Amino acid sequence: MEFGEFLAKLRKERGYYQKEVAAYLNVTVATISNYEKNVHAPDLDTLVKLADFYDVSTDYLLQRTRFKSSIRSLNKRLSADYTVSDIVNTTLELDRRNICALLDYYELLRLRNSIQPMK
């Protein structure tokens, strides 16, 4: 999917009008329309602002990843010592045996999370 088409799809999924995006970026509605029609592409600063507006990463906007969450989500503190990105980075360093163990534990956590506590 071309960038503009993807941008329009994201805007519609989030329920925004072009004028709302334009107001946030301090540009005209025609500029947003031109982005969505692939007439023009946003510069880097505008790309970052678009990512912030939609609360996604620039890599998601550029369709380099399907991971929608923003950088703010990756930097979210899970505890005093760990962020989400710490967990992701550690996961990427695991060997095959530990990946299998992590996936087993992941399924256990999903199951445990789905069970309602008894009252």
PDB file of N, CA and C in Angstrom:
ATOM      1  N   MET A   1       0.848  -1.167   0.000  1.00  0.00           N
ATOM      2  CA  MET A   1       0.000   0.000   0.000  1.00  0.00           C
ATOM      3  C   MET A   1       0.902   1.241   0.000  1.00  0.00           C
ATOM      4  N   GLU A   2       0.575   2.219  -0.808  1.00  0.00           N
ATOM      5  CA  GLU A   2       1.367   3.436  -0.861  1.00  0.00           C
ATOM      6  C   GLU A   2       1.184   4.243   0.421  1.00  0.00           C
ATOM      7  N   PHE A   3       2.175   5.089   0.717  1.00  0.00           N
ATOM      8  CA  PHE A   3       2.170   5.857   1.955  1.00  0.00           C
ATOM      9  C   PHE A   3       0.877   6.644   2.132  1.00  0.00           C
ATOM     10  N   GLY A   4       0.482   7.391   1.124  1.00  0.00           N
ATOM     11  CA  GLY A   4      -0.711   8.230   1.225  1.00  0.00           C
ATOM     12  C   GLY A   4      -1.965   7.429   1.502  1.00  0.00           C
ATOM     13  N   GLU A   5      -2.108   6.327   0.818  1.00  0.00           N
ATOM     14  CA  GLU A   5      -3.265   5.444   1.030  1.00  0.00           C
ATOM     15  C   GLU A   5      -3.269   4.913   2.460  1.00  0.00           C
ATOM     16  N   PHE A   6      -2.097   4.544   2.942  1.00  0.00           N
ATOM     17  CA  PHE A   6      -1.965   4.043   4.308  1.00  0.00           C
ATOM     18  C   PHE A   6      -2.321   5.138   5.316  1.00  0.00           C
ATOM     19  N   LEU A   7      -1.862   6.359   5.054  1.00  0.00           N
ATOM     20  CA  LEU A   7      -2.136   7.495   5.933  1.00  0.00           C
ATOM     21  C   LEU A   7      -3.638   7.789   5.986  1.00  0.00           C
ATOM     22  N   ALA A   8      -4.292   7.752   4.843  1.00  0.00           N
ATOM     23  CA  ALA A   8      -5.743   7.985   4.800  1.00  0.00           C
ATOM     24  C   ALA A   8      -6.490   6.888   5.545  1.00  0.00           C
ATOM     25  N   LYS A   9      -6.065   5.664   5.360  1.00  0.00           N
ATOM     26  CA  LYS A   9      -6.696   4.535   6.047  1.00  0.00           C
ATOM     27  C   LYS A   9      -6.561   4.685   7.560  1.00  0.00           C
ATOM     28  N   LEU A  10      -5.382   5.048   8.020  1.00  0.00           N
ATOM     29  CA  LEU A  10      -5.157   5.239   9.453  1.00  0.00           C
ATOM     30  C   LEU A  10      -6.025   6.365   9.993  1.00  0.00           C
ATOM     31  N   ARG A  11      -6.101   7.463   9.262  1.00  0.00           N
ATOM     32  CA  ARG A  11      -6.935   8.592   9.696  1.00  0.00           C
ATOM     33  C   ARG A  11      -8.396   8.174   9.840  1.00  0.00           C
ATOM     34  N   LYS A  12      -8.884   7.436   8.868  1.00  0.00           N
ATOM     35  CA  LYS A  12     -10.283   6.996   8.903  1.00  0.00           C
ATOM     36  C   LYS A  12     -10.525   5.982  10.015  1.00  0.00           C
ATOM     37  N   GLU A  13      -9.572   5.076  10.220  1.00  0.00           N
ATOM     38  CA  GLU A  13      -9.692   4.097  11.315  1.00  0.00           C
ATOM     39  C   GLU A  13      -9.793   4.791  12.668  1.00  0.00           C
ATOM     40  N   ARG A  14      -9.065   5.887  12.805  1.00  0.00           N
ATOM     41  CA  ARG A  14      -9.047   6.617  14.082  1.00  0.00           C
ATOM     42  C   ARG A  14     -10.208   7.601  14.197  1.00  0.00           C
ATOM     43  N   GLY A  15     -10.965   7.765  13.104  1.00  0.00           N
ATOM     44  CA  GLY A  15     -12.158   8.614  13.147  1.00  0.00           C
ATOM     45  C   GLY A  15     -11.885  10.109  13.050  1.00  0.00           C
ATOM     46  N   TYR A  16     -10.805  10.482  12.400  1.00  0.00           N
ATOM     47  CA  TYR A  16     -10.478  11.899  12.241  1.00  0.00           C
ATOM     48  C   TYR A  16     -10.847  12.391  10.852  1.00  0.00           C
ATOM     49  N   TYR A  17     -11.140  13.699  10.778  1.00  0.00           N
ATOM     50  CA  TYR A  17     -11.316  14.371   9.503  1.00  0.00           C
ATOM     51  C   TYR A  17      -9.981  14.991   9.108  1.00  0.00           C
ATOM     52  N   GLN A  18      -9.819  15.228   7.821  1.00  0.00           N
ATOM     53  CA  GLN A  18      -8.592  15.858   7.349  1.00  0.00           C
ATOM     54  C   GLN A  18      -8.361  17.202   8.033  1.00  0.00           C
ATOM     55  N   LYS A  19      -9.441  17.929   8.301  1.00  0.00           N
ATOM     56  CA  LYS A  19      -9.278  19.250   8.917  1.00  0.00           C
ATOM     57  C   LYS A  19      -8.712  19.155  10.331  1.00  0.00           C
ATOM     58  N   GLU A  20      -9.008  18.067  11.043  1.00  0.00           N
ATOM     59  CA  GLU A  20      -8.454  17.896  12.389  1.00  0.00           C
ATOM     60  C   GLU A  20      -6.953  17.622  12.336  1.00  0.00           C
ATOM     61  N   VAL A  21      -6.552  16.800  11.383  1.00  0.00           N
ATOM     62  CA  VAL A  21      -5.126  16.511  11.211  1.00  0.00           C
ATOM     63  C   VAL A  21      -4.403  17.781  10.771  1.00  0.00           C
ATOM     64  N   ALA A  22      -5.004  18.501   9.839  1.00  0.00           N
ATOM     65  CA  ALA A  22      -4.409  19.746   9.343  1.00  0.00           C
ATOM     66  C   ALA A  22      -4.231  20.756  10.479  1.00  0.00           C
ATOM     67  N   ALA A  23      -5.231  20.888  11.331  1.00  0.00           N
ATOM     68  CA  ALA A  23      -5.141  21.826  12.452  1.00  0.00           C
ATOM     69  C   ALA A  23      -4.010  21.434  13.403  1.00  0.00           C
ATOM     70  N   TYR A  24      -3.867  20.146  13.674  1.00  0.00           N
ATOM     71  CA  TYR A  24      -2.800  19.672  14.560  1.00  0.00           C
ATOM     72  C   TYR A  24      -1.428  19.983  13.968  1.00  0.00           C
ATOM     73  N   LEU A  25      -1.298  19.778  12.665  1.00  0.00           N
ATOM     74  CA  LEU A  25      -0.004  19.997  11.994  1.00  0.00           C
ATOM     75  C   LEU A  25       0.216  21.449  11.594  1.00  0.00           C
ATOM     76  N   ASN A  26      -0.834  22.266  11.736  1.00  0.00           N
ATOM     77  CA  ASN A  26      -0.784  23.668  11.329  1.00  0.00           C
ATOM     78  C   ASN A  26      -0.490  23.800   9.831  1.00  0.00           C
ATOM     79  N   VAL A  27      -1.222  22.983   9.049  1.00  0.00           N
ATOM     80  CA  VAL A  27      -1.138  23.032   7.588  1.00  0.00           C
ATOM     81  C   VAL A  27      -2.562  23.115   7.049  1.00  0.00           C
ATOM     82  N   THR A  28      -2.697  23.214   5.749  1.00  0.00           N
ATOM     83  CA  THR A  28      -4.035  23.285   5.148  1.00  0.00           C
ATOM     84  C   THR A  28      -4.603  21.878   4.936  1.00  0.00           C
ATOM     85  N   VAL A  29      -5.901  21.826   4.765  1.00  0.00           N
ATOM     86  CA  VAL A  29      -6.565  20.564   4.435  1.00  0.00           C
ATOM     87  C   VAL A  29      -6.048  20.059   3.090  1.00  0.00           C
ATOM     88  N   ALA A  30      -5.749  20.975   2.182  1.00  0.00           N
ATOM     89  CA  ALA A  30      -5.207  20.585   0.873  1.00  0.00           C
ATOM     90  C   ALA A  30      -3.879  19.851   1.028  1.00  0.00           C
ATOM     91  N   THR A  31      -3.069  20.264   1.988  1.00  0.00           N
ATOM     92  CA  THR A  31      -1.792  19.585   2.233  1.00  0.00           C
ATOM     93  C   THR A  31      -2.023  18.152   2.673  1.00  0.00           C
ATOM     94  N   ILE A  32      -2.970  17.967   3.588  1.00  0.00           N
ATOM     95  CA  ILE A  32      -3.293  16.608   4.054  1.00  0.00           C
ATOM     96  C   ILE A  32      -3.818  15.782   2.890  1.00  0.00           C
ATOM     97  N   SER A  33      -4.675  16.377   2.091  1.00  0.00           N
ATOM     98  CA  SER A  33      -5.207  15.698   0.916  1.00  0.00           C
ATOM     99  C   SER A  33      -4.084  15.289  -0.034  1.00  0.00           C
ATOM    100  N   ASN A  34      -3.125  16.181  -0.242  1.00  0.00           N
ATOM    101  CA  ASN A  34      -1.991  15.877  -1.113  1.00  0.00           C
ATOM    102  C   ASN A  34      -1.130  14.740  -0.554  1.00  0.00           C
ATOM    103  N   TYR A  35      -0.958  14.690   0.779  1.00  0.00           N
ATOM    104  CA  TYR A  35      -0.239  13.566   1.384  1.00  0.00           C
ATOM    105  C   TYR A  35      -0.973  12.257   1.095  1.00  0.00           C
ATOM    106  N   GLU A  36      -2.281  12.295   1.283  1.00  0.00           N
ATOM    107  CA  GLU A  36      -3.085  11.082   1.139  1.00  0.00           C
ATOM    108  C   GLU A  36      -3.218  10.634  -0.313  1.00  0.00           C
ATOM    109  N   LYS A  37      -3.034  11.553  -1.241  1.00  0.00           N
ATOM    110  CA  LYS A  37      -3.103  11.213  -2.667  1.00  0.00           C
ATOM    111  C   LYS A  37      -1.709  10.977  -3.265  1.00  0.00           C
ATOM    112  N   ASN A  38      -0.690  11.010  -2.420  1.00  0.00           N
ATOM    113  CA  ASN A  38       0.699  10.814  -2.843  1.00  0.00           C
ATOM    114  C   ASN A  38       1.191  11.890  -3.820  1.00  0.00           C
ATOM    115  N   VAL A  39       0.603  13.060  -3.739  1.00  0.00           N
ATOM    116  CA  VAL A  39       1.074  14.181  -4.552  1.00  0.00           C
ATOM    117  C   VAL A  39       2.356  14.736  -3.927  1.00  0.00           C
ATOM    118  N   HIS A  40       2.344  14.825  -2.607  1.00  0.00           N
ATOM    119  CA  HIS A  40       3.502  15.273  -1.837  1.00  0.00           C
ATOM    120  C   HIS A  40       3.678  14.320  -0.661  1.00  0.00           C
ATOM    121  N   ALA A  41       4.893  14.300  -0.123  1.00  0.00           N
ATOM    122  CA  ALA A  41       5.174  13.516   1.079  1.00  0.00           C
ATOM    123  C   ALA A  41       5.567  14.478   2.192  1.00  0.00           C
ATOM    124  N   PRO A  42       5.206  14.150   3.415  1.00  0.00           N
ATOM    125  CA  PRO A  42       5.596  15.029   4.528  1.00  0.00           C
ATOM    126  C   PRO A  42       7.108  14.996   4.745  1.00  0.00           C
ATOM    127  N   ASP A  43       7.648  16.119   5.236  1.00  0.00           N
ATOM    128  CA  ASP A  43       9.064  16.134   5.597  1.00  0.00           C
ATOM    129  C   ASP A  43       9.240  15.359   6.909  1.00  0.00           C
ATOM    130  N   LEU A  44      10.471  15.200   7.348  1.00  0.00           N
ATOM    131  CA  LEU A  44      10.742  14.377   8.536  1.00  0.00           C
ATOM    132  C   LEU A  44      10.073  14.917   9.789  1.00  0.00           C
ATOM    133  N   ASP A  45      10.108  16.230   9.995  1.00  0.00           N
ATOM    134  CA  ASP A  45       9.463  16.801  11.180  1.00  0.00           C
ATOM    135  C   ASP A  45       7.961  16.526  11.173  1.00  0.00           C
ATOM    136  N   THR A  46       7.346  16.654  10.020  1.00  0.00           N
ATOM    137  CA  THR A  46       5.902  16.407   9.905  1.00  0.00           C
ATOM    138  C   THR A  46       5.598  14.928  10.094  1.00  0.00           C
ATOM    139  N   LEU A  47       6.462  14.068   9.592  1.00  0.00           N
ATOM    140  CA  LEU A  47       6.284  12.631   9.786  1.00  0.00           C
ATOM    141  C   LEU A  47       6.272  12.287  11.277  1.00  0.00           C
ATOM    142  N   VAL A  48       7.176  12.875  12.028  1.00  0.00           N
ATOM    143  CA  VAL A  48       7.224  12.651  13.477  1.00  0.00           C
ATOM    144  C   VAL A  48       5.945  13.181  14.138  1.00  0.00           C
ATOM    145  N   LYS A  49       5.493  14.347  13.710  1.00  0.00           N
ATOM    146  CA  LYS A  49       4.252  14.903  14.264  1.00  0.00           C
ATOM    147  C   LYS A  49       3.055  14.009  13.940  1.00  0.00           C
ATOM    148  N   LEU A  50       3.027  13.457  12.731  1.00  0.00           N
ATOM    149  CA  LEU A  50       1.948  12.528  12.372  1.00  0.00           C
ATOM    150  C   LEU A  50       1.989  11.284  13.258  1.00  0.00           C
ATOM    151  N   ALA A  51       3.175  10.769  13.502  1.00  0.00           N
ATOM    152  CA  ALA A  51       3.318   9.604  14.378  1.00  0.00           C
ATOM    153  C   ALA A  51       2.823   9.943  15.775  1.00  0.00           C
ATOM    154  N   ASP A  52       3.166  11.116  16.273  1.00  0.00           N
ATOM    155  CA  ASP A  52       2.688  11.533  17.594  1.00  0.00           C
ATOM    156  C   ASP A  52       1.170  11.689  17.607  1.00  0.00           C
ATOM    157  N   PHE A  53       0.628  12.281  16.556  1.00  0.00           N
ATOM    158  CA  PHE A  53      -0.818  12.502  16.473  1.00  0.00           C
ATOM    159  C   PHE A  53      -1.579  11.177  16.527  1.00  0.00           C
ATOM    160  N   TYR A  54      -1.111  10.194  15.773  1.00  0.00           N
ATOM    161  CA  TYR A  54      -1.789   8.898  15.713  1.00  0.00           C
ATOM    162  C   TYR A  54      -1.297   7.927  16.789  1.00  0.00           C
ATOM    163  N   ASP A  55      -0.317   8.352  17.577  1.00  0.00           N
ATOM    164  CA  ASP A  55       0.267   7.541  18.642  1.00  0.00           C
ATOM    165  C   ASP A  55       0.801   6.210  18.112  1.00  0.00           C
ATOM    166  N   VAL A  56       1.576   6.309  17.044  1.00  0.00           N
ATOM    167  CA  VAL A  56       2.235   5.160  16.433  1.00  0.00           C
ATOM    168  C   VAL A  56       3.704   5.541  16.195  1.00  0.00           C
ATOM    169  N   SER A  57       4.506   4.581  15.804  1.00  0.00           N
ATOM    170  CA  SER A  57       5.902   4.883  15.477  1.00  0.00           C
ATOM    171  C   SER A  57       6.009   5.358  14.030  1.00  0.00           C
ATOM    172  N   THR A  58       7.092   6.045  13.730  1.00  0.00           N
ATOM    173  CA  THR A  58       7.326   6.451  12.347  1.00  0.00           C
ATOM    174  C   THR A  58       7.533   5.212  11.476  1.00  0.00           C
ATOM    175  N   ASP A  59       8.137   4.172  12.028  1.00  0.00           N
ATOM    176  CA  ASP A  59       8.291   2.931  11.263  1.00  0.00           C
ATOM    177  C   ASP A  59       6.942   2.341  10.887  1.00  0.00           C
ATOM    178  N   TYR A  60       5.957   2.469  11.775  1.00  0.00           N
ATOM    179  CA  TYR A  60       4.612   1.986  11.441  1.00  0.00           C
ATOM    180  C   TYR A  60       4.031   2.821  10.301  1.00  0.00           C
ATOM    181  N   LEU A  61       4.175   4.139  10.383  1.00  0.00           N
ATOM    182  CA  LEU A  61       3.665   5.002   9.307  1.00  0.00           C
ATOM    183  C   LEU A  61       4.314   4.676   7.968  1.00  0.00           C
ATOM    184  N   LEU A  62       5.594   4.338   8.016  1.00  0.00           N
ATOM    185  CA  LEU A  62       6.314   4.016   6.789  1.00  0.00           C
ATOM    186  C   LEU A  62       6.149   2.559   6.376  1.00  0.00           C
ATOM    187  N   GLN A  63       5.336   1.828   7.134  1.00  0.00           N
ATOM    188  CA  GLN A  63       5.005   0.423   6.874  1.00  0.00           C
ATOM    189  C   GLN A  63       6.228  -0.485   6.928  1.00  0.00           C
ATOM    190  N   ARG A  64       7.147  -0.113   7.819  1.00  0.00           N
ATOM    191  CA  ARG A  64       8.327  -0.956   8.032  1.00  0.00           C
ATOM    192  C   ARG A  64       8.056  -2.002   9.108  1.00  0.00           C
ATOM    193  N   THR A  65       6.957  -1.829   9.857  1.00  0.00           N
ATOM    194  CA  THR A  65       6.576  -2.765  10.898  1.00  0.00           C
ATOM    195  C   THR A  65       5.064  -2.749  11.046  1.00  0.00           C
ATOM    196  N   ARG A  66       4.530  -3.825  11.587  1.00  0.00           N
ATOM    197  CA  ARG A  66       3.099  -3.870  11.909  1.00  0.00           C
ATOM    198  C   ARG A  66       2.865  -3.495  13.368  1.00  0.00           C
ATOM    199  N   PHE A  67       3.929  -3.223  14.110  1.00  0.00           N
ATOM    200  CA  PHE A  67       3.846  -2.830  15.514  1.00  0.00           C
ATOM    201  C   PHE A  67       3.320  -1.406  15.590  1.00  0.00           C
ATOM    202  N   LYS A  68       2.087  -1.248  16.077  1.00  0.00           N
ATOM    203  CA  LYS A  68       1.427   0.055  16.069  1.00  0.00           C
ATOM    204  C   LYS A  68       1.857   0.980  17.199  1.00  0.00           C
ATOM    205  N   SER A  69       2.269   0.433  18.290  1.00  0.00           N
ATOM    206  CA  SER A  69       2.512   1.259  19.467  1.00  0.00           C
ATOM    207  C   SER A  69       3.601   2.297  19.237  1.00  0.00           C
ATOM    208  N   SER A  70       3.453   3.382  19.962  1.00  0.00           N
ATOM    209  CA  SER A  70       4.389   4.491  19.830  1.00  0.00           C
ATOM    210  C   SER A  70       5.654   4.246  20.634  1.00  0.00           C
ATOM    211  N   ILE A  71       6.597   5.127  20.447  1.00  0.00           N
ATOM    212  CA  ILE A  71       7.828   5.087  21.223  1.00  0.00           C
ATOM    213  C   ILE A  71       7.493   5.256  22.703  1.00  0.00           C
ATOM    214  N   ARG A  72       6.487   6.059  22.995  1.00  0.00           N
ATOM    215  CA  ARG A  72       6.054   6.243  24.388  1.00  0.00           C
ATOM    216  C   ARG A  72       5.683   4.907  25.015  1.00  0.00           C
ATOM    217  N   SER A  73       5.041   4.026  24.236  1.00  0.00           N
ATOM    218  CA  SER A  73       4.674   2.708  24.746  1.00  0.00           C
ATOM    219  C   SER A  73       5.905   1.858  25.020  1.00  0.00           C
ATOM    220  N   LEU A  74       6.887   1.931  24.127  1.00  0.00           N
ATOM    221  CA  LEU A  74       8.115   1.163  24.331  1.00  0.00           C
ATOM    222  C   LEU A  74       8.893   1.653  25.550  1.00  0.00           C
ATOM    223  N   ASN A  75       8.780   2.934  25.842  1.00  0.00           N
ATOM    224  CA  ASN A  75       9.486   3.504  26.987  1.00  0.00           C
ATOM    225  C   ASN A  75       8.686   3.412  28.288  1.00  0.00           C
ATOM    226  N   LYS A  76       7.502   2.814  28.219  1.00  0.00           N
ATOM    227  CA  LYS A  76       6.656   2.690  29.405  1.00  0.00           C
ATOM    228  C   LYS A  76       7.369   1.859  30.467  1.00  0.00           C
ATOM    229  N   ARG A  77       7.376   2.356  31.669  1.00  0.00           N
ATOM    230  CA  ARG A  77       7.989   1.659  32.796  1.00  0.00           C
ATOM    231  C   ARG A  77       7.067   0.550  33.276  1.00  0.00           C
ATOM    232  N   LEU A  78       7.608  -0.657  33.360  1.00  0.00           N
ATOM    233  CA  LEU A  78       6.885  -1.789  33.923  1.00  0.00           C
ATOM    234  C   LEU A  78       7.188  -1.922  35.403  1.00  0.00           C
ATOM    235  N   SER A  79       8.352  -1.435  35.778  1.00  0.00           N
ATOM    236  CA  SER A  79       8.793  -1.400  37.169  1.00  0.00           C
ATOM    237  C   SER A  79       9.875  -0.334  37.260  1.00  0.00           C
ATOM    238  N   ALA A  80      10.465  -0.207  38.430  1.00  0.00           N
ATOM    239  CA  ALA A  80      11.534   0.780  38.594  1.00  0.00           C
ATOM    240  C   ALA A  80      12.738   0.451  37.712  1.00  0.00           C
ATOM    241  N   ASP A  81      12.903  -0.831  37.402  1.00  0.00           N
ATOM    242  CA  ASP A  81      14.093  -1.277  36.670  1.00  0.00           C
ATOM    243  C   ASP A  81      13.881  -1.594  35.199  1.00  0.00           C
ATOM    244  N   TYR A  82      12.618  -1.777  34.758  1.00  0.00           N
ATOM    245  CA  TYR A  82      12.385  -2.284  33.404  1.00  0.00           C
ATOM    246  C   TYR A  82      11.335  -1.478  32.647  1.00  0.00           C
ATOM    247  N   THR A  83      11.609  -1.321  31.335  1.00  0.00           N
ATOM    248  CA  THR A  83      10.634  -0.741  30.415  1.00  0.00           C
ATOM    249  C   THR A  83      10.180  -1.842  29.457  1.00  0.00           C
ATOM    250  N   VAL A  84       9.170  -1.540  28.679  1.00  0.00           N
ATOM    251  CA  VAL A  84       8.709  -2.493  27.666  1.00  0.00           C
ATOM    252  C   VAL A  84       9.844  -2.811  26.702  1.00  0.00           C
ATOM    253  N   SER A  85      10.602  -1.802  26.301  1.00  0.00           N
ATOM    254  CA  SER A  85      11.694  -2.051  25.356  1.00  0.00           C
ATOM    255  C   SER A  85      12.789  -2.930  25.963  1.00  0.00           C
ATOM    256  N   ASP A  86      12.997  -2.856  27.273  1.00  0.00           N
ATOM    257  CA  ASP A  86      13.955  -3.768  27.916  1.00  0.00           C
ATOM    258  C   ASP A  86      13.521  -5.216  27.721  1.00  0.00           C
ATOM    259  N   ILE A  87      12.232  -5.471  27.890  1.00  0.00           N
ATOM    260  CA  ILE A  87      11.705  -6.827  27.733  1.00  0.00           C
ATOM    261  C   ILE A  87      11.837  -7.275  26.277  1.00  0.00           C
ATOM    262  N   VAL A  88      11.510  -6.394  25.346  1.00  0.00           N
ATOM    263  CA  VAL A  88      11.617  -6.733  23.925  1.00  0.00           C
ATOM    264  C   VAL A  88      13.069  -7.038  23.565  1.00  0.00           C
ATOM    265  N   ASN A  89      13.979  -6.185  23.992  1.00  0.00           N
ATOM    266  CA  ASN A  89      15.395  -6.396  23.667  1.00  0.00           C
ATOM    267  C   ASN A  89      15.927  -7.693  24.267  1.00  0.00           C
ATOM    268  N   THR A  90      15.545  -7.993  25.482  1.00  0.00           N
ATOM    269  CA  THR A  90      15.973  -9.251  26.107  1.00  0.00           C
ATOM    270  C   THR A  90      15.407 -10.439  25.346  1.00  0.00           C
ATOM    271  N   THR A  91      14.148 -10.341  24.935  1.00  0.00           N
ATOM    272  CA  THR A  91      13.511 -11.415  24.172  1.00  0.00           C
ATOM    273  C   THR A  91      14.280 -11.697  22.881  1.00  0.00           C
ATOM    274  N   LEU A  92      14.723 -10.658  22.224  1.00  0.00           N
ATOM    275  CA  LEU A  92      15.446 -10.816  20.961  1.00  0.00           C
ATOM    276  C   LEU A  92      16.803 -11.489  21.138  1.00  0.00           C
ATOM    277  N   GLU A  93      17.323 -11.477  22.339  1.00  0.00           N
ATOM    278  CA  GLU A  93      18.632 -12.075  22.610  1.00  0.00           C
ATOM    279  C   GLU A  93      18.542 -13.530  23.083  1.00  0.00           C
ATOM    280  N   LEU A  94      17.326 -14.045  23.276  1.00  0.00           N
ATOM    281  CA  LEU A  94      17.164 -15.408  23.797  1.00  0.00           C
ATOM    282  C   LEU A  94      17.564 -16.464  22.769  1.00  0.00           C
ATOM    283  N   ASP A  95      18.072 -17.583  23.273  1.00  0.00           N
ATOM    284  CA  ASP A  95      18.348 -18.720  22.390  1.00  0.00           C
ATOM    285  C   ASP A  95      17.050 -19.488  22.162  1.00  0.00           C
ATOM    286  N   ARG A  96      17.094 -20.471  21.272  1.00  0.00           N
ATOM    287  CA  ARG A  96      15.905 -21.216  20.854  1.00  0.00           C
ATOM    288  C   ARG A  96      15.189 -21.885  22.035  1.00  0.00           C
ATOM    289  N   ARG A  97      15.956 -22.497  22.930  1.00  0.00           N
ATOM    290  CA  ARG A  97      15.363 -23.186  24.083  1.00  0.00           C
ATOM    291  C   ARG A  97      14.593 -22.202  24.970  1.00  0.00           C
ATOM    292  N   ASN A  98      15.197 -21.040  25.209  1.00  0.00           N
ATOM    293  CA  ASN A  98      14.539 -20.058  26.063  1.00  0.00           C
ATOM    294  C   ASN A  98      13.375 -19.364  25.364  1.00  0.00           C
ATOM    295  N   ILE A  99      13.433 -19.264  24.057  1.00  0.00           N
ATOM    296  CA  ILE A  99      12.275 -18.731  23.322  1.00  0.00           C
ATOM    297  C   ILE A  99      11.085 -19.663  23.489  1.00  0.00           C
ATOM    298  N   CYS A 100      11.317 -20.968  23.384  1.00  0.00           N
ATOM    299  CA  CYS A 100      10.243 -21.947  23.587  1.00  0.00           C
ATOM    300  C   CYS A 100       9.674 -21.829  24.996  1.00  0.00           C
ATOM    301  N   ALA A 101      10.541 -21.679  25.988  1.00  0.00           N
ATOM    302  CA  ALA A 101      10.092 -21.526  27.370  1.00  0.00           C
ATOM    303  C   ALA A 101       9.287 -20.238  27.539  1.00  0.00           C
ATOM    304  N   LEU A 102       9.761 -19.160  26.910  1.00  0.00           N
ATOM    305  CA  LEU A 102       9.045 -17.884  26.989  1.00  0.00           C
ATOM    306  C   LEU A 102       7.658 -18.003  26.362  1.00  0.00           C
ATOM    307  N   LEU A 103       7.553 -18.670  25.223  1.00  0.00           N
ATOM    308  CA  LEU A 103       6.252 -18.837  24.568  1.00  0.00           C
ATOM    309  C   LEU A 103       5.303 -19.673  25.422  1.00  0.00           C
ATOM    310  N   ASP A 104       5.822 -20.687  26.082  1.00  0.00           N
ATOM    311  CA  ASP A 104       4.992 -21.477  27.011  1.00  0.00           C
ATOM    312  C   ASP A 104       4.487 -20.585  28.143  1.00  0.00           C
ATOM    313  N   TYR A 105       5.375 -19.792  28.691  1.00  0.00           N
ATOM    314  CA  TYR A 105       4.996 -18.907  29.790  1.00  0.00           C
ATOM    315  C   TYR A 105       4.013 -17.838  29.312  1.00  0.00           C
ATOM    316  N   TYR A 106       4.203 -17.353  28.114  1.00  0.00           N
ATOM    317  CA  TYR A 106       3.293 -16.373  27.517  1.00  0.00           C
ATOM    318  C   TYR A 106       1.874 -16.940  27.442  1.00  0.00           C
ATOM    319  N   GLU A 107       1.758 -18.182  26.965  1.00  0.00           N
ATOM    320  CA  GLU A 107       0.437 -18.819  26.886  1.00  0.00           C
ATOM    321  C   GLU A 107      -0.174 -18.979  28.268  1.00  0.00           C
ATOM    322  N   LEU A 108       0.636 -19.337  29.249  1.00  0.00           N
ATOM    323  CA  LEU A 108       0.159 -19.457  30.629  1.00  0.00           C
ATOM    324  C   LEU A 108      -0.348 -18.111  31.149  1.00  0.00           C
ATOM    325  N   LEU A 109       0.398 -17.067  30.892  1.00  0.00           N
ATOM    326  CA  LEU A 109      -0.029 -15.739  31.345  1.00  0.00           C
ATOM    327  C   LEU A 109      -1.318 -15.294  30.662  1.00  0.00           C
ATOM    328  N   ARG A 110      -1.446 -15.556  29.371  1.00  0.00           N
ATOM    329  CA  ARG A 110      -2.687 -15.211  28.664  1.00  0.00           C
ATOM    330  C   ARG A 110      -3.868 -15.948  29.259  1.00  0.00           C
ATOM    331  N   LEU A 111      -3.680 -17.231  29.545  1.00  0.00           N
ATOM    332  CA  LEU A 111      -4.750 -18.031  30.148  1.00  0.00           C
ATOM    333  C   LEU A 111      -5.089 -17.498  31.528  1.00  0.00           C
ATOM    334  N   ARG A 112      -4.075 -17.257  32.336  1.00  0.00           N
ATOM    335  CA  ARG A 112      -4.296 -16.756  33.693  1.00  0.00           C
ATOM    336  C   ARG A 112      -4.991 -15.405  33.669  1.00  0.00           C
ATOM    337  N   ASN A 113      -4.631 -14.560  32.711  1.00  0.00           N
ATOM    338  CA  ASN A 113      -5.231 -13.239  32.594  1.00  0.00           C
ATOM    339  C   ASN A 113      -6.693 -13.312  32.147  1.00  0.00           C
ATOM    340  N   SER A 114      -7.044 -14.343  31.409  1.00  0.00           N
ATOM    341  CA  SER A 114      -8.414 -14.462  30.889  1.00  0.00           C
ATOM    342  C   SER A 114      -9.385 -15.058  31.891  1.00  0.00           C
ATOM    343  N   ILE A 115      -8.864 -15.707  32.912  1.00  0.00           N
ATOM    344  CA  ILE A 115      -9.729 -16.311  33.930  1.00  0.00           C
ATOM    345  C   ILE A 115     -10.119 -15.249  34.937  1.00  0.00           C
ATOM    346  N   GLN A 116     -11.429 -15.112  35.144  1.00  0.00           N
ATOM    347  CA  GLN A 116     -11.920 -14.131  36.088  1.00  0.00           C
ATOM    348  C   GLN A 116     -11.689 -14.627  37.506  1.00  0.00           C
ATOM    349  N   PRO A 117     -11.269 -13.748  38.402  1.00  0.00           N
ATOM    350  CA  PRO A 117     -11.075 -14.182  39.780  1.00  0.00           C
ATOM    351  C   PRO A 117     -12.387 -14.618  40.410  1.00  0.00           C
ATOM    352  N   MET A 118     -12.308 -15.655  41.227  1.00  0.00           N
ATOM    353  CA  MET A 118     -13.514 -16.156  41.909  1.00  0.00           C
ATOM    354  C   MET A 118     -13.891 -15.195  43.011  1.00  0.00           C
ATOM    355  N   LYS A 119     -15.200 -15.002  43.189  1.00  0.00           N
ATOM    356  CA  LYS A 119     -15.678 -14.063  44.221  1.00  0.00           C
ATOM    357  C   LYS A 119     -16.273 -14.818  45.377  1.00  0.00           C
TER     358      LYS A 119
END
